[in-house]
Amino acid sequence: MSKRKVLFIHETMNGGGAERVLLDLLRHMDYMRYDVTLLLVCATGVYVEQLPDEVKLLCLHRNKKPLVERVLFRCKPLLDRWQERHINRVLGGERYDTIVSFLEGPAMIYHSMAASRASRNVTWVHTDLKHFHWTSCFHGSLLKEQQRYALMDDVVVISREARAGYEAIMGKHPHLHVQHNPIDRDSIVARSLEVTVPKRRFTVCNIGRLIEVKRQERIIGAAAMLRERGLEIDFWIMGTGNREAQLKAQARLLGVDDIVKFAGFVTNPYPMLRAADALVVASDAEGYPTVVCEALCLGKPVVSTPVAGIDELLHDGAGIVCEPSEGAIADAVERLACDRECYDRLAQASQLGGRQFDINVVMQSIEKML
């Protein structure tokens, strides 16, 4: 039996949640059945070197988008023609059984330009577009974006709330599926034991890109409020992004740079997550926060703002959902730090919640779409 040819399209393999999910998905593909190619818009990112050997890697650009593309960004019709010619040059005469764009935005735009090369086209949406419509600037108009989604045979969203967000912006799609991300619980647990991370006292951590939507400034403000209340709690922030300098300056200004540790990008964040007492998510929007899944795999209570997917993940009481403010985050962290009975109850619920992640079941569901 011949293998099915599948082309995945993604922007980069930088250290975000969608990239970690894609890496896990590719690691668990059945390469006896699938011939897999990954096309990256830019062949950058820490996870490039970790791709399975069976994956054929193509790229549209080596390091960054060329000057011509940046110049044409303000004239979408010209940019579209340039991009379409470019992806056709890179793909040559290849055809595929299925093309998958694994992220909204540029990856999905390039996918729409190559959709005629496959008998099936599937695209993933990893965020709540109603609350974080970050893709609008790439399409030129909402109508154009809707037309591109209409080309897809299947649209996959990663939580029920992300589905509602998609429909609020894009309207109905005849084949819109909710598919939770594949989470490799056994691998997360094993990797969390690779090194031992020391800590001084009660510690909470945040893992994510340092960008506006993640709102880490709320965590720094919460740290300052807790210190004012006489509580010494450490905060570990793992990730990089364009707001790093601003966040570090805020920590210095508030006098908490000794208890707020910026760890930068950590290739294996799981030992630090295991060492911490809890995870904090302060975002304005998510789709189905991968880092919360990872915290549950390690039995860690979660404090989170009410982002998409969080009710599905914490429905058994594995954490505290709080208002999106530094005061509410401070109150929730104080409760975990000072109420041992509450902490133990949430940690037990988190351990039970982590058992829901069976990557083999999820992979079977995903492979049915390919």
Protein backbone atom coordinates (compact mmCIF):
# COMPACT_ATOMS: atom_id res chain seq x y z
CA MET A 1 0.00 0.00 0.00
CA SER A 2 1.44 3.38 -1.00
CA LYS A 3 1.96 6.02 1.66
CA ARG A 4 -0.27 9.08 1.87
CA LYS A 5 1.65 12.24 1.05
CA VAL A 6 1.02 14.95 3.63
CA LEU A 7 2.38 18.50 3.55
CA PHE A 8 2.36 20.48 6.80
CA ILE A 9 2.80 24.26 6.54
CA HIS A 10 3.90 26.29 9.56
CA GLU A 11 5.51 29.67 10.09
CA THR A 12 8.62 28.80 12.14
CA MET A 13 9.71 26.25 14.73
CA ASN A 14 10.28 28.85 17.45
CA GLY A 15 9.50 27.95 21.03
CA GLY A 16 5.76 28.57 21.24
CA GLY A 17 2.99 26.24 22.34
CA ALA A 18 1.77 25.53 18.80
CA GLU A 19 5.31 24.59 17.78
CA ARG A 20 5.67 22.18 20.72
CA VAL A 21 2.35 20.59 19.77
CA LEU A 22 3.37 20.27 16.12
CA LEU A 23 6.68 18.69 17.14
CA ASP A 24 4.85 16.12 19.29
CA LEU A 25 2.41 15.42 16.45
CA LEU A 26 5.24 14.81 13.99
CA ARG A 27 7.05 12.58 16.47
CA HIS A 28 3.99 10.36 16.73
CA MET A 29 3.08 10.08 13.05
CA ASP A 30 3.03 6.57 11.60
CA TYR A 31 5.75 6.87 8.96
CA MET A 32 4.89 3.45 7.62
CA ARG A 33 1.65 5.03 6.39
CA TYR A 34 2.57 8.67 5.80
CA ASP A 35 5.15 10.44 3.68
CA VAL A 36 5.50 13.78 5.50
CA THR A 37 6.93 17.09 4.34
CA LEU A 38 7.10 20.20 6.54
CA LEU A 39 7.19 23.56 4.79
CA LEU A 40 8.28 26.44 7.02
CA VAL A 41 7.77 30.07 6.07
CA CYS A 42 11.10 30.77 7.79
CA ALA A 43 13.41 27.87 8.66
CA THR A 44 14.21 29.19 12.12
CA GLY A 45 13.56 28.07 15.67
CA VAL A 46 14.94 25.89 18.41
CA TYR A 47 12.77 22.94 17.42
CA VAL A 48 14.10 22.61 13.86
CA GLU A 49 16.91 20.35 15.03
CA GLN A 50 14.45 18.17 16.94
CA LEU A 51 12.27 17.25 13.94
CA PRO A 52 12.06 13.50 13.21
CA ASP A 53 14.47 12.27 10.56
CA GLU A 54 11.54 11.00 8.48
CA VAL A 55 10.22 14.55 7.93
CA LYS A 56 11.34 16.25 4.72
CA LEU A 57 12.01 19.91 5.47
CA LEU A 58 11.38 22.71 2.97
CA CYS A 59 11.48 26.44 3.60
CA LEU A 60 10.28 29.55 1.82
CA HIS A 61 12.90 31.75 3.50
CA ARG A 62 16.03 30.81 5.41
CA ASN A 63 16.10 33.37 8.22
CA LYS A 64 13.58 36.16 7.71
CA LYS A 65 11.14 37.39 5.13
CA PRO A 66 12.93 39.18 2.26
CA LEU A 67 12.83 42.92 1.75
CA VAL A 68 10.51 42.64 -1.26
CA GLU A 69 7.87 40.90 0.86
CA ARG A 70 8.12 43.51 3.59
CA VAL A 71 7.84 46.33 1.04
CA LEU A 72 4.79 44.73 -0.62
CA PHE A 73 3.04 44.17 2.72
CA ARG A 74 1.02 47.37 2.29
CA CYS A 75 -0.20 46.27 -1.15
CA LYS A 76 -1.85 42.92 -0.53
CA PRO A 77 -2.78 42.07 -4.18
CA LEU A 78 0.86 42.44 -5.28
CA LEU A 79 2.09 40.59 -2.19
CA ASP A 80 -0.36 37.75 -2.86
CA ARG A 81 0.92 37.30 -6.42
CA TRP A 82 4.54 37.38 -5.27
CA GLN A 83 3.89 34.82 -2.50
CA GLU A 84 1.94 32.51 -4.79
CA ARG A 85 4.73 32.45 -7.36
CA HIS A 86 7.28 31.84 -4.61
CA ILE A 87 5.51 28.88 -2.99
CA ASN A 88 4.95 27.31 -6.41
CA ARG A 89 8.67 27.62 -7.14
CA VAL A 90 9.56 25.95 -3.84
CA LEU A 91 7.05 23.11 -4.20
CA GLY A 92 7.85 22.51 -7.86
CA GLY A 93 5.64 19.87 -9.43
CA GLU A 94 4.75 18.05 -6.19
CA ARG A 95 1.19 17.08 -5.36
CA TYR A 96 -0.13 15.81 -2.04
CA ASP A 97 -3.00 13.80 -0.68
CA THR A 98 -3.46 16.29 2.16
CA ILE A 99 -2.11 19.73 2.97
CA VAL A 100 -2.31 20.95 6.57
CA SER A 101 -1.63 24.50 7.71
CA PHE A 102 -1.03 24.13 11.42
CA LEU A 103 -1.50 27.77 12.39
CA GLU A 104 -3.70 30.65 11.38
CA GLY A 105 -2.01 33.65 9.71
CA PRO A 106 0.84 33.43 7.15
CA ALA A 107 0.93 29.62 7.15
CA MET A 108 -2.76 29.46 6.29
CA ILE A 109 -2.37 32.15 3.58
CA TYR A 110 0.39 30.18 1.86
CA HIS A 111 -1.75 27.07 2.21
CA SER A 112 -4.64 28.75 0.39
CA MET A 113 -2.26 29.48 -2.50
CA ALA A 114 -1.27 25.81 -2.77
CA ALA A 115 -4.65 24.23 -1.98
CA SER A 116 -5.16 23.02 -5.56
CA ARG A 117 -2.16 20.68 -5.11
CA ALA A 118 -4.08 18.40 -2.71
CA SER A 119 -7.30 16.45 -2.67
CA ARG A 120 -7.81 17.40 1.00
CA ASN A 121 -7.02 20.64 2.78
CA VAL A 122 -7.10 21.00 6.56
CA THR A 123 -6.24 24.07 8.64
CA TRP A 124 -5.77 24.52 12.40
CA VAL A 125 -6.80 27.55 14.48
CA HIS A 126 -4.90 27.76 17.76
CA THR A 127 -6.44 30.89 19.27
CA ASP A 128 -9.73 32.56 20.10
CA LEU A 129 -10.12 34.83 17.07
CA LYS A 130 -12.92 36.81 18.68
CA HIS A 131 -10.61 38.06 21.44
CA PHE A 132 -7.30 37.93 19.56
CA HIS A 133 -7.78 38.42 15.83
CA TRP A 134 -4.06 38.81 15.18
CA THR A 135 -4.31 37.52 11.62
CA SER A 136 -6.41 40.37 10.18
CA CYS A 137 -3.44 42.49 9.09
CA PHE A 138 -2.07 39.67 6.91
CA HIS A 139 -5.18 39.17 4.76
CA GLY A 140 -6.04 42.74 3.80
CA SER A 141 -9.74 42.31 4.58
CA LEU A 142 -12.05 40.10 6.59
CA LEU A 143 -13.79 39.00 3.38
CA LYS A 144 -10.48 37.76 1.94
CA GLU A 145 -9.74 35.83 5.12
CA GLN A 146 -13.22 34.26 5.05
CA GLN A 147 -12.74 33.28 1.41
CA ARG A 148 -9.47 31.55 2.24
CA TYR A 149 -11.05 29.53 5.02
CA ALA A 150 -13.84 28.57 2.64
CA LEU A 151 -11.21 26.78 0.51
CA MET A 152 -10.51 24.35 3.34
CA ASP A 153 -12.21 20.97 3.57
CA ASP A 154 -11.83 20.96 7.34
CA VAL A 155 -11.14 23.67 9.92
CA VAL A 156 -9.82 22.41 13.25
CA VAL A 157 -10.10 24.48 16.43
CA ILE A 158 -8.57 23.36 19.70
CA SER A 159 -11.35 24.13 22.20
CA ARG A 160 -15.08 24.79 22.34
CA GLU A 161 -14.52 28.47 23.09
CA ALA A 162 -12.08 28.74 20.19
CA ARG A 163 -14.84 27.33 17.99
CA ALA A 164 -17.25 30.02 19.19
CA GLY A 165 -14.56 32.65 18.56
CA TYR A 166 -13.98 31.35 15.03
CA GLU A 167 -17.68 31.39 14.19
CA ALA A 168 -18.08 34.90 15.60
CA ILE A 169 -15.48 36.23 13.15
CA MET A 170 -15.50 33.83 10.19
CA GLY A 171 -19.07 32.53 10.28
CA LYS A 172 -20.12 28.92 9.90
CA HIS A 173 -18.01 26.28 8.18
CA PRO A 174 -19.56 22.95 7.11
CA HIS A 175 -16.68 20.95 8.61
CA LEU A 176 -15.53 22.75 11.76
CA HIS A 177 -14.09 20.36 14.34
CA VAL A 178 -12.96 20.70 17.93
CA GLN A 179 -9.79 18.67 18.36
CA HIS A 180 -7.74 19.01 21.52
CA ASN A 181 -3.99 19.15 21.10
CA PRO A 182 -1.95 15.94 21.32
CA ILE A 183 -0.16 16.04 24.68
CA ASP A 184 2.55 13.45 25.35
CA ARG A 185 2.13 13.03 29.09
CA ASP A 186 4.74 10.27 29.47
CA SER A 187 7.38 12.36 27.68
CA ILE A 188 6.60 15.44 29.79
CA VAL A 189 6.94 13.48 33.02
CA ALA A 190 10.17 11.81 31.88
CA ARG A 191 11.74 15.08 30.73
CA SER A 192 10.77 16.81 33.98
CA LEU A 193 13.08 14.38 35.79
CA GLU A 194 16.17 15.05 33.64
CA VAL A 195 17.57 17.66 36.05
CA THR A 196 16.75 18.89 39.55
CA VAL A 197 15.96 22.60 39.87
CA PRO A 198 16.46 24.11 43.34
CA LYS A 199 14.05 26.64 44.77
CA ARG A 200 14.10 28.90 47.82
CA ARG A 201 10.44 28.99 48.83
CA PHE A 202 6.90 28.87 47.43
CA THR A 203 7.34 29.46 43.71
CA VAL A 204 5.00 29.98 40.79
CA CYS A 205 6.00 29.98 37.15
CA ASN A 206 4.77 31.30 33.83
CA ILE A 207 5.78 29.84 30.46
CA GLY A 208 5.09 31.71 27.25
CA ARG A 209 6.28 34.25 24.75
CA LEU A 210 6.87 37.71 26.20
CA ILE A 211 4.34 39.45 23.99
CA GLU A 212 1.41 41.74 24.71
CA VAL A 213 -1.39 39.16 24.67
CA LYS A 214 0.36 37.04 27.35
CA ARG A 215 0.24 39.98 29.82
CA GLN A 216 3.14 38.98 32.07
CA GLU A 217 3.08 42.52 33.51
CA ARG A 218 0.10 41.36 35.58
CA ILE A 219 2.30 38.71 37.18
CA ILE A 220 5.00 41.24 38.03
CA GLY A 221 2.38 43.56 39.51
CA ALA A 222 1.00 40.66 41.54
CA ALA A 223 4.50 39.91 42.86
CA ALA A 224 4.80 43.51 44.08
CA MET A 225 1.38 43.38 45.76
CA LEU A 226 2.22 40.14 47.55
CA ARG A 227 5.49 41.60 48.82
CA GLU A 228 3.56 44.58 50.17
CA ARG A 229 1.37 42.09 52.04
CA GLY A 230 4.47 40.61 53.65
CA LEU A 231 4.62 37.46 51.50
CA GLU A 232 7.91 36.42 49.91
CA ILE A 233 7.08 34.31 46.87
CA ASP A 234 9.34 33.64 43.89
CA PHE A 235 8.14 34.01 40.31
CA TRP A 236 9.85 32.29 37.38
CA ILE A 237 9.06 33.59 33.89
CA MET A 238 10.24 31.40 31.03
CA GLY A 239 10.22 32.75 27.48
CA THR A 240 11.47 35.49 25.20
CA GLY A 241 9.75 38.13 23.12
CA ASN A 242 9.56 41.76 22.18
CA ARG A 243 8.39 42.87 25.63
CA GLU A 244 11.30 41.36 27.57
CA ALA A 245 13.15 44.62 28.21
CA GLN A 246 9.92 46.38 29.21
CA LEU A 247 8.97 43.63 31.67
CA LYS A 248 12.43 43.57 33.24
CA ALA A 249 12.28 47.35 33.65
CA GLN A 250 8.88 47.02 35.36
CA ALA A 251 10.30 44.45 37.80
CA ARG A 252 13.18 46.81 38.67
CA LEU A 253 10.84 49.79 39.05
CA LEU A 254 8.55 47.88 41.42
CA GLY A 255 11.51 46.52 43.38
CA VAL A 256 10.77 42.86 42.72
CA ASP A 257 13.63 42.00 40.37
CA ASP A 258 15.08 39.84 43.17
CA ILE A 259 11.99 37.60 43.29
CA VAL A 260 10.96 37.72 39.62
CA LYS A 261 13.40 35.58 37.64
CA PHE A 262 13.48 35.84 33.86
CA ALA A 263 14.83 32.50 32.69
CA GLY A 264 14.72 33.27 28.95
CA PHE A 265 13.85 30.50 26.52
CA VAL A 266 14.28 27.10 28.17
CA THR A 267 14.56 24.17 25.77
CA ASN A 268 13.21 21.80 28.40
CA PRO A 269 10.94 23.80 30.73
CA TYR A 270 9.55 20.77 32.53
CA PRO A 271 12.13 20.49 35.36
CA MET A 272 11.40 24.10 36.31
CA LEU A 273 7.65 23.50 36.05
CA ARG A 274 8.02 20.39 38.22
CA ALA A 275 10.05 22.30 40.82
CA ALA A 276 7.54 25.16 40.98
CA ASP A 277 4.49 24.93 43.21
CA ALA A 278 1.99 26.30 40.68
CA LEU A 279 1.55 27.69 37.17
CA VAL A 280 0.15 31.16 36.45
CA VAL A 281 -1.44 32.15 33.13
CA ALA A 282 -2.19 35.88 32.83
CA SER A 283 -3.14 36.05 29.13
CA ASP A 284 -5.91 38.04 27.47
CA ALA A 285 -6.52 35.25 24.97
CA GLU A 286 -5.54 31.64 24.29
CA GLY A 287 -7.03 28.83 22.23
CA TYR A 288 -6.37 25.84 24.48
CA PRO A 289 -3.32 26.69 26.61
CA THR A 290 -0.77 23.93 26.08
CA VAL A 291 1.19 24.98 29.15
CA VAL A 292 -1.85 24.27 31.35
CA CYS A 293 -2.02 20.74 29.92
CA GLU A 294 1.66 20.34 30.77
CA ALA A 295 1.11 21.60 34.33
CA LEU A 296 -1.70 19.06 34.83
CA CYS A 297 0.60 16.28 33.59
CA LEU A 298 2.94 17.22 36.46
CA GLY A 299 0.17 17.65 39.03
CA LYS A 300 0.57 21.41 39.44
CA PRO A 301 -2.32 23.68 40.46
CA VAL A 302 -3.07 26.44 37.97
CA VAL A 303 -4.04 30.08 38.40
CA SER A 304 -5.44 31.42 35.14
CA THR A 305 -7.36 34.28 33.65
CA PRO A 306 -10.59 33.18 31.88
CA VAL A 307 -9.10 32.36 28.48
CA ALA A 308 -10.56 29.95 25.93
CA GLY A 309 -10.16 26.30 26.87
CA ILE A 310 -9.47 26.90 30.55
CA ASP A 311 -12.91 25.78 31.74
CA GLU A 312 -12.49 22.54 29.79
CA LEU A 313 -9.10 21.91 31.37
CA LEU A 314 -9.94 22.91 34.96
CA HIS A 315 -13.49 21.60 35.13
CA ASP A 316 -12.52 19.11 37.85
CA GLY A 317 -11.15 21.82 40.15
CA ALA A 318 -7.45 21.67 39.29
CA GLY A 319 -6.97 25.41 39.62
CA ILE A 320 -8.38 28.86 40.18
CA VAL A 321 -9.84 30.96 37.36
CA CYS A 322 -9.57 34.62 38.32
CA GLU A 323 -10.28 38.01 36.84
CA PRO A 324 -7.64 39.37 34.43
CA SER A 325 -5.99 41.77 36.89
CA GLU A 326 -2.86 41.79 39.00
CA GLY A 327 -4.95 42.05 42.17
CA ALA A 328 -7.00 38.95 41.36
CA ILE A 329 -3.85 37.02 40.42
CA ALA A 330 -2.19 38.10 43.69
CA ASP A 331 -5.24 36.94 45.69
CA ALA A 332 -5.26 33.53 43.98
CA VAL A 333 -1.50 32.99 44.46
CA GLU A 334 -1.78 34.04 48.12
CA ARG A 335 -4.56 31.51 48.63
CA LEU A 336 -2.39 28.71 47.23
CA ALA A 337 0.63 29.79 49.26
CA CYS A 338 -1.17 30.22 52.58
CA ASP A 339 -4.00 27.68 52.55
CA ARG A 340 -2.39 24.25 52.59
CA GLU A 341 -5.71 22.41 52.49
CA CYS A 342 -6.73 24.33 49.37
CA TYR A 343 -3.36 23.74 47.72
CA ASP A 344 -3.41 20.00 48.39
CA ARG A 345 -6.97 19.69 47.07
CA LEU A 346 -6.11 21.49 43.83
CA ALA A 347 -2.86 19.55 43.40
CA GLN A 348 -4.72 16.25 43.75
CA ALA A 349 -7.30 17.38 41.19
CA SER A 350 -4.47 18.42 38.88
CA GLN A 351 -2.87 14.98 39.09
CA LEU A 352 -6.18 13.36 38.21
CA GLY A 353 -6.73 15.85 35.39
CA GLY A 354 -3.37 15.03 33.89
CA ARG A 355 -4.48 11.46 33.27
CA GLN A 356 -6.88 12.63 30.56
CA PHE A 357 -4.06 13.13 28.07
CA ASP A 358 -3.66 10.04 25.90
CA ILE A 359 -1.68 11.05 22.83
CA ASN A 360 -2.45 7.81 21.02
CA VAL A 361 -6.20 8.45 21.12
CA VAL A 362 -5.73 12.02 19.88
CA MET A 363 -3.36 10.92 17.11
CA GLN A 364 -5.90 8.39 15.85
CA SER A 365 -8.46 11.17 15.61
CA ILE A 366 -6.04 13.49 13.79
CA GLU A 367 -4.92 10.83 11.35
CA LYS A 368 -8.53 10.26 10.31
CA MET A 369 -8.50 13.81 8.92
CA LEU A 370 -5.33 13.21 6.91
